[in-house]
Amino acid sequence: MLKVLIVDDEPKIRRGLKSLIERAKLDMEVVGEAEDGEMALEVAKETLPDILLVDICMPFLNGLQFIEQLNGVLKDCIIIVITGHDEFSYAHQAIKLQVFDYLLKPVLENQLEVVLKRAEQQLVNSRLQNDYLNWANQETKKHLPILREAFCKDWINGQLNEEYITTQLPFLKLDLSPVSGMIVLKVAGQYTRGQLLKDWERDLLVFSIENICIELLKQWHPYIIFHDNADNLVAITPINSLNEWHELSISLQQVIEEHLEQVVIIAQRPLTDLVTGVSLAYRELITELNRKVSYTPVVLLSQKHIETYYYKEDFSLQDLAEIIKISPTYLSRLLKNEIGVSFIEYLTQVRVEKAIQIMSDPTIKLYEVAERVGYSNQHYFSTTFKKVVGLSPAEYRKKGNWR
């Protein structure tokens, strides 16, 4: 039953309106009466009426002032203005306050009944709609992880247009930093350090990797993390510092390999465009990962050790061979056959890439960059850098290409 509040300074009018409502035999009950706006506010707070019949001219707080203040008390209610003043200014103000209807005294029974029936129908429709929206919101929240995963998979596979992406990101509560990058992580196999490990159940492995990554990404908000159709883990994170961001992937790899005893390969790339650049970056990263995953465990381990010990000036093929426990000649042949470059060429590539990352911090001097990537001689570092990149470190930094 709908609750009705009558607000009028004339007792006779209040009684008449109440009588009309009772005779109309509607599914309504008069739950309160008030003779001025101040009293009406208190009664409204107590009774929470669905429909209010409000006179405009009342002492202390007139009807329009009352309606204005009522908007802060009741949201889902219908207000019908009843007044003896047929003036446009009142009607205009009432319309601005979004009242449901405007009736003149004396109110005829059939007029009031028609208005109340329309008010009842609007309340029913409004509440049905609200119930549906609440249900839809609850269902959306319940299935939000599934919706996000499906959206992200379509996104990286290039199946969504730009307009749809920009509207769905906020709807799915997927936040992106203005400067972001993509990391793709793949389990390469169950061999590490030349030993066969226990057989992990695939779903448990995927779940474990995601949990580890979420834990490590807590400091990298806002981030997005999901799995692609091949169960590779994909993360889009902010890039506050390019060097720190590359260190993040190393941390992810080390922690996962330590806890799960799996060979993990990671590829990452800054995003040139937060919307349209995602699918392009993903395709390039997957190509890189698939190339790496075809390597033998020895080559994967070699790459990992080179990327770990690149900063040692005297790090050599002999050192790497001793770590892996394989002959230098055989190791050199494997590297050349699988990755297409020699040990020293790959080491140089890694050092130059690391130098570029470090150079993104303008406070670090170039001689310090050289030392951090294994070159005690800055001139030799500059010469090597220019052979790989085509520019000297100073020229490269000046152009700001790392951005």
Protein backbone atom coordinates (compact mmCIF):
# COMPACT_ATOMS: atom_id res chain seq x y z
CA MET A 1 0.00 0.00 0.00
CA LEU A 2 1.29 3.43 -0.96
CA LYS A 3 1.67 6.04 1.77
CA VAL A 4 0.28 9.55 1.27
CA LEU A 5 1.17 12.77 3.14
CA ILE A 6 -1.15 15.80 2.94
CA VAL A 7 0.43 19.22 3.50
CA ASP A 8 -1.98 22.19 3.70
CA ASP A 9 -2.51 24.96 6.24
CA GLU A 10 -6.32 24.63 6.07
CA PRO A 11 -7.76 21.77 8.19
CA LYS A 12 -10.89 21.69 6.03
CA ILE A 13 -8.81 21.14 2.88
CA ARG A 14 -6.80 18.39 4.56
CA ARG A 15 -9.95 16.59 5.68
CA GLY A 16 -11.47 16.94 2.22
CA LEU A 17 -8.42 15.52 0.46
CA LYS A 18 -8.23 12.62 2.89
CA SER A 19 -11.92 11.85 2.34
CA LEU A 20 -11.49 11.95 -1.45
CA ILE A 21 -8.59 9.49 -1.26
CA GLU A 22 -10.55 7.08 0.96
CA ARG A 23 -13.60 7.19 -1.32
CA ALA A 24 -11.45 6.52 -4.40
CA LYS A 25 -10.63 3.10 -2.87
CA LEU A 26 -7.08 3.18 -4.18
CA ASP A 27 -4.26 1.10 -2.76
CA MET A 28 -3.21 4.11 -0.70
CA GLU A 29 -3.23 5.20 2.93
CA VAL A 30 -2.93 8.71 4.37
CA VAL A 31 -0.11 8.32 6.88
CA GLY A 32 0.23 11.94 7.95
CA GLU A 33 -0.92 15.53 7.74
CA ALA A 34 0.93 18.81 8.24
CA GLU A 35 -0.18 22.43 8.32
CA ASP A 36 3.13 24.01 7.28
CA GLY A 37 6.34 23.11 5.52
CA GLU A 38 8.50 22.81 8.65
CA MET A 39 6.12 20.32 10.25
CA ALA A 40 5.78 18.49 6.93
CA LEU A 41 9.53 17.89 6.78
CA GLU A 42 9.50 16.20 10.17
CA VAL A 43 6.45 14.08 9.29
CA ALA A 44 8.04 13.11 5.96
CA LYS A 45 11.22 11.95 7.73
CA GLU A 46 9.15 9.80 10.09
CA THR A 47 6.62 8.32 7.66
CA LEU A 48 8.60 8.22 4.36
CA PRO A 49 5.54 8.82 2.15
CA ASP A 50 5.33 7.69 -1.46
CA ILE A 51 3.01 10.50 -2.57
CA LEU A 52 2.72 14.05 -1.19
CA LEU A 53 -0.15 16.46 -1.81
CA VAL A 54 1.37 19.89 -1.14
CA ASP A 55 -0.21 23.35 -0.95
CA ILE A 56 2.00 26.18 -2.21
CA CYS A 57 0.93 28.99 0.16
CA MET A 58 1.65 28.03 3.76
CA PRO A 59 3.18 29.87 6.73
CA PHE A 60 6.84 29.57 7.86
CA LEU A 61 7.95 27.41 4.94
CA ASN A 62 5.86 27.57 1.79
CA GLY A 63 5.16 24.60 -0.44
CA LEU A 64 7.89 25.30 -2.98
CA GLN A 65 10.51 25.81 -0.26
CA PHE A 66 9.32 22.61 1.39
CA ILE A 67 9.64 20.67 -1.88
CA GLU A 68 13.14 22.02 -2.43
CA GLN A 69 14.25 20.85 1.03
CA LEU A 70 12.37 17.57 0.70
CA ASN A 71 14.63 16.54 -2.19
CA GLY A 72 17.39 16.03 0.35
CA VAL A 73 15.17 13.79 2.50
CA LEU A 74 13.19 11.65 0.04
CA LYS A 75 14.37 10.58 -3.38
CA ASP A 76 11.80 8.10 -4.62
CA CYS A 77 8.51 9.96 -4.10
CA ILE A 78 5.90 11.80 -6.14
CA ILE A 79 4.81 15.35 -5.35
CA ILE A 80 1.48 16.76 -6.50
CA VAL A 81 1.06 20.52 -6.00
CA ILE A 82 -2.43 21.69 -4.96
CA THR A 83 -3.09 25.44 -4.80
CA GLY A 84 -5.70 28.09 -5.26
CA HIS A 85 -3.27 30.37 -7.06
CA ASP A 86 -3.44 29.89 -10.80
CA GLU A 87 -0.26 31.76 -11.58
CA PHE A 88 2.40 30.81 -14.09
CA SER A 89 5.26 31.76 -11.80
CA TYR A 90 4.18 29.11 -9.27
CA ALA A 91 3.71 26.51 -11.97
CA HIS A 92 7.07 27.39 -13.50
CA GLN A 93 8.88 26.99 -10.18
CA ALA A 94 7.05 23.74 -9.49
CA ILE A 95 8.10 22.36 -12.87
CA LYS A 96 11.71 23.27 -12.11
CA LEU A 97 11.39 21.29 -8.89
CA GLN A 98 10.16 18.34 -10.98
CA VAL A 99 6.74 17.96 -9.34
CA PHE A 100 4.51 15.27 -10.81
CA ASP A 101 1.40 17.38 -11.44
CA TYR A 102 -0.27 20.69 -10.60
CA LEU A 103 -3.95 20.89 -9.51
CA LEU A 104 -6.11 23.90 -8.63
CA LYS A 105 -8.47 24.21 -5.68
CA PRO A 106 -11.17 23.22 -5.33
CA VAL A 107 -9.93 19.78 -6.33
CA LEU A 108 -12.54 17.65 -8.04
CA GLU A 109 -12.79 14.00 -7.00
CA ASN A 110 -12.38 12.57 -10.49
CA GLN A 111 -9.39 14.83 -11.21
CA LEU A 112 -7.61 13.76 -8.03
CA GLU A 113 -8.37 10.09 -8.68
CA VAL A 114 -6.95 10.28 -12.22
CA VAL A 115 -3.76 12.00 -11.01
CA LEU A 116 -3.29 9.55 -8.13
CA LYS A 117 -3.74 6.56 -10.45
CA ARG A 118 -1.11 7.98 -12.78
CA ALA A 119 1.16 8.59 -9.81
CA GLU A 120 0.65 5.02 -8.63
CA GLN A 121 1.50 3.63 -12.06
CA GLN A 122 4.63 5.75 -12.30
CA LEU A 123 5.79 4.58 -8.88
CA VAL A 124 5.19 0.96 -9.83
CA ASN A 125 7.06 1.38 -13.13
CA SER A 126 9.88 3.29 -11.48
CA ARG A 127 10.33 0.72 -8.75
CA LEU A 128 10.17 -2.16 -11.16
CA GLN A 129 12.85 -0.44 -13.19
CA ASN A 130 14.94 0.20 -10.07
CA ASP A 131 14.52 -3.42 -9.01
CA TYR A 132 15.68 -4.54 -12.44
CA LEU A 133 18.64 -2.15 -12.40
CA ASN A 134 19.61 -3.32 -8.92
CA TRP A 135 19.35 -6.92 -10.04
CA ALA A 136 21.36 -6.16 -13.17
CA ASN A 137 24.02 -4.38 -11.11
CA GLN A 138 24.25 -7.31 -8.70
CA GLU A 139 24.52 -9.78 -11.57
CA THR A 140 27.15 -7.60 -13.24
CA LYS A 141 29.18 -7.43 -10.02
CA LYS A 142 28.82 -11.18 -9.54
CA HIS A 143 30.04 -11.91 -13.05
CA LEU A 144 32.45 -8.97 -13.34
CA PRO A 145 35.62 -11.11 -13.34
CA ILE A 146 34.21 -13.24 -16.19
CA LEU A 147 33.10 -10.15 -18.14
CA ARG A 148 36.51 -8.54 -17.67
CA GLU A 149 38.34 -11.65 -18.82
CA ALA A 150 36.16 -11.97 -21.95
CA PHE A 151 36.55 -8.26 -22.76
CA CYS A 152 40.33 -8.35 -22.31
CA LYS A 153 40.70 -11.42 -24.52
CA ASP A 154 38.68 -9.77 -27.30
CA TRP A 155 40.65 -6.56 -26.76
CA ILE A 156 44.12 -8.06 -27.19
CA ASN A 157 42.91 -10.11 -30.17
CA GLY A 158 41.83 -6.94 -31.97
CA GLN A 159 38.14 -7.81 -32.06
CA LEU A 160 36.86 -4.53 -30.53
CA ASN A 161 36.57 -1.07 -32.02
CA GLU A 162 37.94 2.03 -30.30
CA GLU A 163 34.55 3.45 -29.26
CA TYR A 164 33.49 0.19 -27.62
CA ILE A 165 36.80 -0.11 -25.76
CA THR A 166 36.60 3.40 -24.33
CA THR A 167 33.05 2.86 -23.07
CA GLN A 168 33.66 -0.60 -21.64
CA LEU A 169 36.83 0.20 -19.69
CA PRO A 170 35.04 2.38 -17.09
CA PHE A 171 31.94 0.13 -17.11
CA LEU A 172 34.07 -2.89 -16.22
CA LYS A 173 36.08 -0.78 -13.74
CA LEU A 174 39.31 -1.38 -15.64
CA ASP A 175 41.68 1.50 -14.92
CA LEU A 176 44.76 2.38 -16.95
CA SER A 177 47.59 4.75 -16.20
CA PRO A 178 48.28 7.33 -18.97
CA VAL A 179 51.76 5.80 -19.38
CA SER A 180 51.42 2.01 -19.36
CA GLY A 181 53.11 -1.09 -20.66
CA MET A 182 52.20 -4.71 -21.34
CA ILE A 183 53.87 -7.76 -19.83
CA VAL A 184 53.14 -11.28 -21.13
CA LEU A 185 54.32 -14.26 -19.11
CA LYS A 186 54.51 -17.81 -20.42
CA VAL A 187 55.46 -21.09 -18.77
CA ALA A 188 58.00 -22.54 -21.19
CA GLY A 189 58.14 -26.04 -19.75
CA GLN A 190 58.88 -28.21 -16.75
CA TYR A 191 62.65 -28.24 -17.09
CA THR A 192 64.92 -25.93 -15.17
CA ARG A 193 68.56 -26.32 -14.26
CA GLY A 194 68.53 -29.45 -16.41
CA GLN A 195 66.23 -31.41 -14.11
CA LEU A 196 62.73 -32.75 -14.64
CA LEU A 197 60.26 -31.40 -12.09
CA LYS A 198 57.04 -32.78 -10.70
CA ASP A 199 53.97 -32.71 -12.93
CA TRP A 200 51.83 -29.68 -12.02
CA GLU A 201 48.19 -29.75 -12.77
CA ARG A 202 47.56 -27.04 -15.36
CA ASP A 203 44.70 -25.21 -13.66
CA LEU A 204 46.53 -25.11 -10.35
CA LEU A 205 49.65 -23.82 -12.06
CA VAL A 206 47.72 -21.02 -13.80
CA PHE A 207 45.99 -20.11 -10.53
CA SER A 208 49.28 -20.07 -8.61
CA ILE A 209 51.05 -17.89 -11.17
CA GLU A 210 48.20 -15.38 -11.13
CA ASN A 211 48.25 -15.16 -7.33
CA ILE A 212 52.00 -14.58 -7.27
CA CYS A 213 51.71 -11.85 -9.91
CA ILE A 214 48.84 -10.12 -8.13
CA GLU A 215 50.89 -10.06 -4.93
CA LEU A 216 53.86 -8.49 -6.71
CA LEU A 217 51.69 -6.01 -8.63
CA LYS A 218 50.10 -4.50 -5.51
CA GLN A 219 52.45 -1.53 -5.73
CA TRP A 220 51.72 -1.00 -9.44
CA HIS A 221 48.20 0.45 -9.41
CA PRO A 222 46.21 0.77 -11.52
CA TYR A 223 46.91 -2.52 -13.26
CA ILE A 224 44.95 -5.06 -15.31
CA ILE A 225 45.77 -8.77 -15.15
CA PHE A 226 44.14 -11.65 -17.05
CA HIS A 227 44.86 -14.79 -19.09
CA ASP A 228 44.77 -15.10 -22.84
CA ASN A 229 43.28 -18.07 -24.69
CA ALA A 230 46.51 -20.04 -24.26
CA ASP A 231 46.63 -19.41 -20.48
CA ASN A 232 49.54 -16.99 -20.80
CA LEU A 233 49.32 -14.30 -18.17
CA VAL A 234 48.91 -10.76 -19.51
CA ALA A 235 49.38 -7.66 -17.36
CA ILE A 236 49.01 -3.98 -18.21
CA THR A 237 50.74 -1.84 -15.62
CA PRO A 238 51.78 1.81 -15.21
CA ILE A 239 55.32 2.82 -16.12
CA ASN A 240 56.55 5.30 -13.54
CA SER A 241 60.18 4.49 -14.29
CA LEU A 242 61.17 2.45 -17.33
CA ASN A 243 64.09 0.88 -15.47
CA GLU A 244 61.94 -0.11 -12.48
CA TRP A 245 59.26 -1.45 -14.82
CA HIS A 246 61.76 -3.79 -16.50
CA GLU A 247 62.99 -4.88 -13.08
CA LEU A 248 59.39 -5.84 -12.30
CA SER A 249 59.40 -8.52 -14.99
CA ILE A 250 62.65 -9.92 -13.61
CA SER A 251 61.08 -10.10 -10.15
CA LEU A 252 58.02 -11.87 -11.54
CA GLN A 253 60.17 -14.40 -13.34
CA GLN A 254 62.42 -15.08 -10.35
CA VAL A 255 59.63 -15.47 -7.81
CA ILE A 256 57.56 -17.78 -10.03
CA GLU A 257 60.55 -19.97 -10.90
CA GLU A 258 61.59 -20.13 -7.26
CA HIS A 259 58.15 -21.04 -5.91
CA LEU A 260 56.79 -23.17 -8.74
CA GLU A 261 60.00 -24.61 -10.19
CA GLN A 262 58.94 -23.82 -13.74
CA VAL A 263 60.86 -22.28 -16.62
CA VAL A 264 59.20 -18.91 -17.19
CA ILE A 265 59.76 -16.53 -20.08
CA ILE A 266 58.56 -12.95 -20.08
CA ALA A 267 58.27 -10.30 -22.76
CA GLN A 268 57.24 -6.70 -22.20
CA ARG A 269 56.65 -3.56 -24.19
CA PRO A 270 55.51 0.03 -23.49
CA LEU A 271 52.14 0.85 -25.03
CA THR A 272 52.17 3.61 -27.63
CA ASP A 273 48.38 3.93 -27.41
CA LEU A 274 46.26 2.86 -24.44
CA VAL A 275 43.36 1.74 -26.63
CA THR A 276 44.37 0.80 -30.15
CA GLY A 277 47.98 -0.11 -29.32
CA VAL A 278 47.06 -2.99 -27.01
CA SER A 279 46.33 -5.63 -29.67
CA LEU A 280 49.45 -4.71 -31.67
CA ALA A 281 51.70 -4.94 -28.60
CA TYR A 282 50.14 -8.28 -27.66
CA ARG A 283 50.76 -9.79 -31.10
CA GLU A 284 54.38 -8.68 -31.06
CA LEU A 285 54.95 -10.02 -27.55
CA ILE A 286 53.34 -13.38 -28.33
CA THR A 287 55.57 -13.70 -31.42
CA GLU A 288 58.59 -13.02 -29.22
CA LEU A 289 57.47 -15.53 -26.58
CA ASN A 290 56.71 -18.24 -29.12
CA ARG A 291 60.16 -17.80 -30.59
CA LYS A 292 61.76 -18.11 -27.16
CA VAL A 293 59.66 -21.09 -26.12
CA SER A 294 61.04 -23.06 -29.06
CA TYR A 295 64.53 -22.80 -27.57
CA THR A 296 66.08 -25.71 -25.70
CA PRO A 297 66.26 -25.51 -21.89
CA VAL A 298 70.02 -24.86 -22.11
CA VAL A 299 69.51 -21.80 -24.32
CA LEU A 300 66.70 -20.50 -22.10
CA LEU A 301 68.94 -20.85 -19.07
CA SER A 302 71.78 -19.16 -20.93
CA GLN A 303 69.60 -16.19 -21.79
CA LYS A 304 68.44 -15.97 -18.21
CA HIS A 305 72.00 -15.98 -16.84
CA ILE A 306 73.18 -13.42 -19.40
CA GLU A 307 70.24 -11.16 -18.47
CA THR A 308 71.20 -11.65 -14.80
CA TYR A 309 74.98 -11.16 -14.96
CA TYR A 310 75.28 -8.68 -17.86
CA TYR A 311 76.61 -6.00 -15.46
CA LYS A 312 79.81 -8.00 -14.79
CA GLU A 313 82.53 -6.53 -16.96
CA ASP A 314 84.45 -9.79 -17.29
CA PHE A 315 81.42 -12.07 -17.77
CA SER A 316 82.43 -14.55 -20.47
CA LEU A 317 81.23 -17.56 -22.43
CA GLN A 318 83.50 -19.68 -20.22
CA ASP A 319 81.77 -18.35 -17.09
CA LEU A 320 78.35 -19.10 -18.53
CA ALA A 321 79.37 -22.61 -19.60
CA GLU A 322 80.65 -23.36 -16.09
CA ILE A 323 77.37 -22.18 -14.52
CA ILE A 324 75.31 -24.41 -16.84
CA LYS A 325 77.89 -27.23 -16.72
CA ILE A 326 78.33 -27.58 -20.47
CA SER A 327 81.30 -27.15 -22.78
CA PRO A 328 81.83 -23.57 -24.10
CA THR A 329 82.10 -24.81 -27.68
CA TYR A 330 78.82 -26.70 -27.55
CA LEU A 331 77.10 -23.79 -25.80
CA SER A 332 78.36 -21.33 -28.38
CA ARG A 333 77.01 -23.52 -31.20
CA LEU A 334 73.60 -23.85 -29.49
CA LEU A 335 73.28 -20.08 -29.05
CA LYS A 336 74.22 -19.39 -32.64
CA ASN A 337 71.88 -22.06 -34.02
CA GLU A 338 68.83 -21.12 -31.92
CA ILE A 339 68.93 -17.37 -31.33
CA GLY A 340 71.04 -16.53 -34.38
CA VAL A 341 73.79 -14.61 -32.57
CA SER A 342 76.93 -15.43 -30.65
CA PHE A 343 77.36 -15.16 -26.91
CA ILE A 344 79.10 -11.78 -27.09
CA GLU A 345 76.52 -10.41 -29.55
CA TYR A 346 73.65 -11.41 -27.28
CA LEU A 347 75.44 -10.04 -24.23
CA THR A 348 75.94 -6.75 -26.08
CA GLN A 349 72.23 -6.60 -27.02
CA VAL A 350 71.23 -7.13 -23.41
CA ARG A 351 73.66 -4.50 -22.15
CA VAL A 352 72.43 -1.91 -24.67
CA GLU A 353 68.78 -2.64 -23.81
CA LYS A 354 69.54 -2.27 -20.09
CA ALA A 355 71.46 0.94 -20.79
CA ILE A 356 68.44 2.39 -22.61
CA GLN A 357 66.23 1.55 -19.64
CA ILE A 358 68.65 3.16 -17.17
CA MET A 359 69.06 6.25 -19.37
CA SER A 360 65.36 7.01 -18.98
CA ASP A 361 66.37 8.46 -15.60
CA PRO A 362 68.00 11.82 -16.50
CA THR A 363 69.74 12.06 -13.11
CA ILE A 364 72.07 9.14 -13.95
CA LYS A 365 75.28 10.21 -15.70
CA LEU A 366 76.34 8.40 -18.86
CA TYR A 367 79.53 7.08 -17.28
CA GLU A 368 77.35 5.62 -14.50
CA VAL A 369 75.12 4.01 -17.13
CA ALA A 370 78.20 2.44 -18.71
CA GLU A 371 79.40 1.07 -15.37
CA ARG A 372 75.99 -0.37 -14.54
CA VAL A 373 75.89 -2.40 -17.73
CA GLY A 374 79.42 -3.79 -17.54
CA TYR A 375 81.63 -1.17 -19.24
CA SER A 376 84.36 0.53 -17.22
CA ASN A 377 85.39 2.52 -20.30
CA GLN A 378 82.76 5.08 -21.29
CA HIS A 379 84.28 5.57 -24.76
CA TYR A 380 84.07 1.85 -25.50
CA PHE A 381 80.48 1.84 -24.21
CA SER A 382 79.56 4.75 -26.51
CA THR A 383 81.17 3.06 -29.52
CA THR A 384 79.37 -0.24 -28.84
CA PHE A 385 76.06 1.55 -28.22
CA LYS A 386 76.30 3.46 -31.50
CA LYS A 387 77.02 0.26 -33.47
CA VAL A 388 73.80 -1.29 -32.14
CA VAL A 389 71.47 1.72 -32.06
CA GLY A 390 72.91 4.03 -34.70
CA LEU A 391 73.24 6.92 -32.25
CA SER A 392 75.64 7.64 -29.43
CA PRO A 393 74.21 7.43 -25.88
CA ALA A 394 74.27 11.23 -25.60
CA GLU A 395 72.40 11.63 -28.93
CA TYR A 396 69.91 8.94 -28.01
CA ARG A 397 69.20 10.51 -24.61
CA LYS A 398 68.82 13.97 -26.17
CA LYS A 399 66.18 12.65 -28.60
CA GLY A 400 64.34 10.95 -25.75
CA ASN A 401 63.70 7.81 -27.84
CA TRP A 402 63.16 5.62 -24.77
CA ARG A 403 59.80 7.24 -24.20
